[in-house]
Protein backbone atom coordinates (compact mmCIF):
# COMPACT_ATOMS: atom_id res chain seq x y z
CA MET A 1 -27.42 51.03 21.69
CA PRO A 2 -24.84 50.18 24.44
CA ARG A 3 -26.01 46.57 24.27
CA ILE A 4 -25.41 46.42 20.51
CA ARG A 5 -21.93 47.89 20.95
CA PHE A 6 -21.19 45.30 23.63
CA LEU A 7 -22.24 42.45 21.31
CA ILE A 8 -20.10 43.82 18.48
CA LEU A 9 -17.10 44.09 20.81
CA LEU A 10 -17.68 40.54 22.04
CA LEU A 11 -17.77 39.21 18.48
CA LEU A 12 -14.56 41.04 17.61
CA LEU A 13 -12.82 39.53 20.63
CA CYS A 14 -14.03 35.99 19.94
CA PHE A 15 -13.54 35.96 16.16
CA PRO A 16 -9.72 35.62 16.22
CA LEU A 17 -9.99 32.46 18.34
CA PHE A 18 -12.12 30.71 15.75
CA ALA A 19 -10.06 32.07 12.88
CA GLN A 20 -6.78 30.75 14.31
CA TYR A 21 -7.85 27.14 14.90
CA ASN A 22 -9.62 25.01 12.33
CA PHE A 23 -9.23 21.62 10.66
CA ASN A 24 -10.62 19.34 7.97
CA PHE A 25 -11.15 15.63 8.65
CA VAL A 26 -12.16 13.13 5.93
CA CYS A 27 -12.13 9.38 5.28
CA VAL A 28 -10.27 8.65 2.04
CA SER A 29 -11.42 5.02 1.73
CA ASP A 30 -14.86 3.41 1.59
CA THR A 31 -16.63 3.82 4.93
CA PHE A 32 -18.64 0.61 4.33
CA GLN A 33 -16.53 -2.42 3.46
CA THR A 34 -17.29 -6.11 3.02
CA GLY A 35 -14.66 -8.82 3.12
CA THR A 36 -13.38 -11.94 4.81
CA ASP A 37 -9.98 -11.38 6.42
CA TYR A 38 -9.47 -7.76 7.48
CA PHE A 39 -10.64 -4.23 6.87
CA VAL A 40 -8.62 -1.01 6.76
CA TYR A 41 -9.99 2.55 6.73
CA TYR A 42 -7.74 5.52 5.94
CA PHE A 43 -8.31 9.10 7.07
CA ARG A 44 -6.75 12.50 6.39
CA LEU A 45 -6.52 15.39 8.87
CA THR A 46 -5.54 18.88 7.66
CA ASN A 47 -4.77 21.85 9.89
CA THR A 48 -6.60 24.60 8.01
CA GLY A 49 -6.08 27.15 10.78
CA THR A 50 -3.40 29.81 11.05
CA LEU A 51 -1.70 28.41 14.17
CA PRO A 52 -0.23 25.04 15.19
CA ASP A 53 -2.69 22.83 17.00
CA ILE A 54 -2.87 19.59 18.98
CA TYR A 55 -5.62 17.13 18.12
CA ALA A 56 -7.07 14.33 20.21
CA PHE A 57 -8.52 11.12 18.72
CA ASP A 58 -11.01 8.75 20.30
CA CYS A 59 -12.06 5.56 18.49
CA ARG A 60 -15.07 3.65 19.79
CA VAL A 61 -16.76 0.40 18.76
CA ILE A 62 -20.46 1.23 18.52
CA ASP A 63 -21.72 -2.20 17.36
CA SER A 64 -19.34 -5.10 18.01
CA VAL A 65 -19.02 -8.71 16.85
CA PRO A 66 -17.66 -11.21 19.43
CA GLY A 67 -14.02 -12.12 18.89
CA TRP A 68 -13.22 -9.38 16.37
CA PHE A 69 -10.05 -7.33 16.88
CA GLU A 70 -9.85 -3.57 16.35
CA GLN A 71 -6.94 -1.13 16.40
CA TYR A 72 -6.42 2.44 15.26
CA CYS A 73 -3.40 4.64 14.59
CA ALA A 74 -2.90 8.42 14.61
CA GLY A 75 0.00 10.77 15.22
CA GLY A 76 2.54 7.95 14.85
CA GLN A 77 0.90 5.94 17.65
CA CYS A 78 -1.43 2.94 17.70
CA GLY A 79 -3.87 1.81 20.35
CA ASP A 80 -7.06 -0.06 21.09
CA PRO A 81 -10.47 1.63 20.86
CA GLY A 82 -11.06 3.72 23.97
CA MET A 83 -7.45 4.89 24.16
CA ILE A 84 -6.97 8.60 23.42
CA LEU A 85 -4.23 9.37 20.87
CA TYR A 86 -2.75 12.78 20.08
CA ASP A 87 -1.35 14.46 16.98
CA THR A 88 0.39 17.84 16.61
CA LEU A 89 0.21 19.65 13.28
CA PRO A 90 1.57 23.06 12.23
CA SER A 91 -0.59 25.33 10.12
CA GLY A 92 -1.28 23.82 6.69
CA ALA A 93 0.16 20.40 7.61
CA VAL A 94 -1.57 17.13 6.68
CA ASP A 95 -1.57 13.76 8.43
CA SER A 96 -2.54 10.96 6.03
CA LEU A 97 -1.35 8.09 8.25
CA ILE A 98 -4.54 7.83 10.31
CA GLU A 99 -6.24 4.45 10.04
CA ILE A 100 -8.58 1.93 11.64
CA SER A 101 -7.97 -1.82 11.24
CA VAL A 102 -10.56 -4.51 11.90
CA ILE A 103 -9.73 -8.24 11.90
CA PRO A 104 -12.72 -10.62 12.07
CA ALA A 105 -12.64 -13.85 14.07
CA THR A 106 -13.02 -17.14 12.22
CA GLY A 107 -16.65 -18.19 12.05
CA GLN A 108 -17.94 -14.97 13.63
CA TRP A 109 -20.13 -13.29 11.02
CA GLY A 110 -21.71 -9.89 11.36
CA THR A 111 -21.24 -6.15 10.94
CA GLU A 112 -19.22 -3.86 13.17
CA LYS A 113 -19.73 -0.12 13.44
CA LEU A 114 -16.89 2.09 14.66
CA ASN A 115 -16.69 5.83 15.25
CA LEU A 116 -13.52 7.94 15.09
CA LEU A 117 -13.79 11.30 16.84
CA VAL A 118 -11.22 14.12 16.56
CA TRP A 119 -11.18 17.49 18.32
CA SER A 120 -8.90 20.48 18.79
CA LEU A 121 -7.28 20.85 22.21
CA HIS A 122 -6.86 24.60 21.74
CA ASN A 123 -10.51 25.02 20.76
CA PRO A 124 -12.50 21.98 21.98
CA VAL A 125 -15.63 23.29 20.26
CA LEU A 126 -14.00 22.22 16.97
CA ARG A 127 -14.70 18.51 16.61
CA ASP A 128 -15.72 16.03 13.93
CA SER A 129 -16.40 12.30 13.76
CA ILE A 130 -16.80 9.64 11.08
CA ASN A 131 -18.53 6.24 11.25
CA VAL A 132 -17.14 3.20 9.42
CA TYR A 133 -18.66 -0.24 8.92
CA ALA A 134 -17.05 -3.69 8.50
CA ALA A 135 -19.36 -6.45 7.26
CA MET A 136 -18.73 -10.16 6.79
CA GLU A 137 -21.62 -12.32 5.65
CA GLN A 138 -21.82 -16.04 6.37
CA GLY A 139 -21.99 -18.03 3.08
CA VAL A 140 -19.95 -15.63 0.94
CA GLY A 141 -17.29 -15.16 3.56
CA GLU A 142 -16.93 -18.90 4.13
CA ASP A 143 -16.35 -19.62 0.43
CA LYS A 144 -13.77 -16.86 0.19
CA ARG A 145 -11.91 -18.13 3.24
CA ARG A 146 -11.61 -21.56 1.63
CA GLU A 147 -10.49 -20.02 -1.66
CA VAL A 148 -7.77 -17.78 -0.24
CA GLU A 149 -6.31 -18.88 3.05
CA ARG A 150 -3.38 -16.50 3.34
CA VAL A 151 -1.86 -13.59 1.45
CA ASN A 152 1.48 -11.93 2.02
CA LEU A 153 2.03 -8.49 0.49
CA GLU A 154 5.44 -6.86 0.91
CA VAL A 155 6.81 -3.52 -0.27
CA PHE A 156 10.35 -2.19 0.05
CA PRO A 157 11.95 0.21 0.53
CA ASN A 158 9.35 2.21 2.42
CA PRO A 159 9.59 5.21 2.34
CA PHE A 160 11.00 5.31 -1.21
CA THR A 161 12.30 7.99 -3.56
CA ASP A 162 12.23 6.77 -7.16
CA LYS A 163 11.33 3.04 -7.21
CA ILE A 164 9.62 0.55 -4.91
CA ASN A 165 9.51 -3.25 -5.19
CA ILE A 166 6.17 -4.99 -4.63
CA LYS A 167 6.03 -8.70 -3.78
CA PHE A 168 3.08 -10.92 -2.96
CA VAL A 169 2.36 -14.58 -2.26
CA ILE A 170 -1.16 -16.05 -2.15
CA ARG A 171 -1.61 -19.53 -0.71
CA ASN A 172 -4.61 -21.27 -2.26
CA PRO A 173 -5.33 -24.88 -1.25
CA LYS A 174 -7.22 -25.57 -4.49
CA SER A 175 -4.21 -24.66 -6.62
CA GLU A 176 -2.00 -26.98 -4.57
CA THR A 177 -4.26 -30.05 -4.90
CA ASN A 178 -5.73 -29.56 -8.38
CA SER A 179 -3.41 -28.95 -11.34
CA ASN A 180 -6.40 -28.00 -13.53
CA PHE A 181 -7.59 -25.32 -11.14
CA GLN A 182 -8.03 -22.00 -12.95
CA ILE A 183 -5.86 -19.26 -11.52
CA PRO A 184 -7.93 -16.14 -10.77
CA ASN A 185 -7.08 -12.73 -12.15
CA HIS A 186 -5.44 -10.57 -9.51
CA LYS A 187 -5.36 -6.79 -9.69
CA LEU A 188 -2.70 -4.61 -8.15
CA LYS A 189 -3.89 -1.02 -7.79
CA ILE A 190 -2.26 2.08 -6.36
CA TYR A 191 -4.27 4.95 -4.86
CA ASP A 192 -3.25 8.39 -3.67
CA ALA A 193 -4.23 9.79 -0.27
CA THR A 194 -7.56 11.07 -1.62
CA GLY A 195 -8.60 7.57 -2.72
CA ARG A 196 -8.06 8.24 -6.44
CA MET A 197 -6.56 5.32 -8.38
CA VAL A 198 -3.33 6.45 -10.07
CA LYS A 199 -1.83 3.17 -11.31
CA GLN A 200 -2.83 -0.45 -11.83
CA PHE A 201 -1.18 -3.68 -12.93
CA LYS A 202 -3.66 -5.99 -14.66
CA HIS A 203 -3.80 -9.69 -15.58
CA LEU A 204 -1.61 -10.95 -12.75
CA THR A 205 -2.41 -14.67 -12.99
CA ASN A 206 0.29 -16.08 -10.73
CA TYR A 207 0.07 -16.84 -7.05
CA ARG A 208 3.58 -15.57 -6.49
CA PHE A 209 5.40 -12.49 -7.77
CA ASN A 210 8.96 -11.97 -6.61
CA GLY A 211 9.04 -8.39 -7.75
CA ILE A 212 6.89 -5.78 -9.47
CA MET A 213 8.79 -2.54 -9.76
CA TRP A 214 6.79 0.68 -9.49
CA ALA A 215 8.60 3.84 -10.51
CA GLY A 216 6.23 6.20 -8.71
CA ASP A 217 4.38 7.06 -11.93
CA ASP A 218 0.74 7.11 -13.00
CA GLU A 219 -1.04 5.32 -15.84
CA PHE A 220 0.42 7.78 -18.37
CA GLY A 221 4.02 7.55 -17.17
CA ASN A 222 3.97 10.87 -15.33
CA ILE A 223 5.97 10.94 -12.11
CA LEU A 224 3.66 11.48 -9.15
CA PRO A 225 4.39 14.03 -6.40
CA ASP A 226 5.75 12.93 -3.07
CA GLY A 227 3.17 11.90 -0.50
CA VAL A 228 1.24 8.92 0.85
CA TYR A 229 0.02 6.15 -1.47
CA ILE A 230 -1.93 2.95 -0.86
CA ILE A 231 -0.94 -0.27 -2.66
CA CYS A 232 -3.91 -2.63 -2.88
CA LEU A 233 -3.95 -6.27 -4.05
CA GLU A 234 -7.41 -7.45 -5.09
CA THR A 235 -8.56 -10.97 -5.99
CA ARG A 236 -12.22 -12.08 -6.09
CA GLY A 237 -13.30 -9.56 -3.48
CA PHE A 238 -10.31 -10.13 -1.20
CA LYS A 239 -8.01 -7.17 -0.51
CA ALA A 240 -4.57 -6.71 1.02
CA GLN A 241 -3.26 -3.17 1.47
CA LYS A 242 0.00 -1.41 2.28
CA VAL A 243 0.56 2.29 2.93
CA VAL A 244 3.77 3.66 1.39
CA VAL A 245 5.41 7.08 1.47
CA LYS A 246 7.06 8.63 -1.59
CA LEU A 247 9.81 11.14 -0.82
CA GLU A 248 11.60 13.65 -3.04
């Protein structure tokens, strides 16, 4: 009986520690991506505990491709894989500006695997990690690189309150040398922090747009709440992305 009482007392003493510190960590974009120019993975960390906490991040390249460049950002800081970054969140707060970027080297085909680990400094037992994959195949990637050499996607102001201007320029050597070249159909899509598409602009058949105004609304004209949104330009499998913040 004394032993049972001791175990009950031990559980009562330890339970508040685990109740005070907790978090939820998810990847809000596809964890496996294929492309030709660069890859971006977005994550969301939520402090689901009852007390403020400090979190540590550690990004590692598990399987590498020679010449590829990797960088990750968290807590308003950016660094190379292997560098520990920190983020402080009060109870109930969310950080949606956590990301990993991968830029392939020209002519270096393959698949990279990266792991992003996060843990609580106040309770190191609480930890979670997510693997992401960046794949570029030889044949397909080479054709896409010839088709689209460079894309420039700009958004301003950022952060914004009611409206944001979106500009993009795509340089395509075929369109410059062949007047009969068919212009592909670009798609401009906007996602919220959970990865849900909230708005899209279809049938964009120009290589240059000096301004597409987005009023912070969804497909039905409803004004979206303030938060983090991802503007994504897609054309024949190629993607360019920008993270924007909508304020009240």
